[in-house]
Protein backbone atom coordinates (compact mmCIF):
# COMPACT_ATOMS: atom_id res chain seq x y z
CA MET A 1 -88.73 98.92 -87.19
CA ILE A 2 -86.42 99.69 -84.29
CA MET A 3 -86.31 103.27 -82.54
CA ARG A 4 -85.10 105.06 -79.71
CA ALA A 5 -87.39 105.41 -76.80
CA SER A 6 -87.39 109.53 -77.38
CA GLU A 7 -88.76 108.79 -80.74
CA LEU A 8 -91.90 106.77 -79.55
CA LYS A 9 -95.13 108.66 -80.15
CA PRO A 10 -98.75 108.03 -78.85
CA GLY A 11 -100.37 105.51 -81.22
CA HIS A 12 -96.99 103.37 -81.53
CA VAL A 13 -97.64 99.62 -80.98
CA ILE A 14 -94.56 98.44 -79.11
CA ARG A 15 -93.20 94.86 -78.37
CA VAL A 16 -91.26 94.40 -75.18
CA GLU A 17 -90.25 91.78 -72.86
CA PHE A 18 -92.41 92.10 -69.87
CA GLY A 19 -92.36 90.49 -66.44
CA ASP A 20 -90.81 87.03 -67.12
CA TYR A 21 -87.91 86.01 -69.47
CA ASP A 22 -89.12 85.21 -72.95
CA ASN A 23 -92.38 86.86 -72.26
CA TRP A 24 -93.24 89.24 -75.05
CA GLN A 25 -96.12 91.48 -75.02
CA SER A 26 -97.55 94.44 -77.26
CA PHE A 27 -98.39 97.79 -75.88
CA VAL A 28 -100.01 100.74 -77.41
CA VAL A 29 -98.23 104.06 -76.57
CA ASP A 30 -101.11 106.02 -74.89
CA GLY A 31 -99.06 109.24 -73.60
CA ILE A 32 -95.54 109.81 -72.68
CA ARG A 33 -94.04 111.98 -69.76
CA GLN A 34 -90.07 113.04 -69.80
CA ALA A 35 -88.98 112.12 -66.47
CA LYS A 36 -85.41 112.89 -64.83
CA ASP A 37 -83.05 110.60 -66.76
CA SER A 38 -85.46 108.70 -68.48
CA ILE A 39 -89.04 108.88 -70.67
CA VAL A 40 -92.21 107.17 -68.93
CA HIS A 41 -94.51 105.67 -71.67
CA TYR A 42 -97.91 105.15 -70.42
CA ARG A 43 -99.38 102.06 -72.11
CA LYS A 44 -102.69 100.49 -72.59
CA TYR A 45 -102.59 96.65 -72.85
CA ASP A 46 -106.01 95.58 -73.36
CA THR A 47 -108.14 97.37 -70.94
CA ALA A 48 -105.43 97.92 -68.06
CA LYS A 49 -102.87 100.91 -68.32
CA THR A 50 -99.52 100.45 -66.92
CA ASP A 51 -96.35 102.68 -66.99
CA ILE A 52 -93.15 101.71 -68.44
CA SER A 53 -89.94 103.75 -68.16
CA PHE A 54 -87.19 103.64 -70.83
CA ARG A 55 -84.07 105.69 -71.17
CA SER A 56 -84.16 107.89 -73.70
CA ASP A 57 -81.25 106.37 -75.82
CA GLU A 58 -82.73 102.82 -75.25
CA THR A 59 -84.01 101.05 -78.25
CA VAL A 60 -87.48 99.58 -78.88
CA GLU A 61 -89.33 97.42 -81.43
CA VAL A 62 -92.27 99.22 -82.97
CA ILE A 63 -94.61 96.73 -84.57
CA ALA A 64 -97.52 99.17 -86.02
CA ASP A 65 -98.80 102.68 -85.99
CA GLU A 66 -102.18 102.99 -84.97
CA THR A 67 -102.54 106.62 -86.21
CA ALA A 68 -101.34 105.71 -89.72
């Protein structure tokens, strides 16, 4: 399912192109923080955490919901 970054919630599993071209990775949204013109999502990837920023109107592919 495709949704706007502003609609993401903790527990959503998203799939994004990360680092190199065509390097698709899955992340679990662990937390969300509103920044000036963007939304910063704290994500778990295996055991490491990383921050990824999106514009609030940017679309993201959600592949699962760990809270469901």
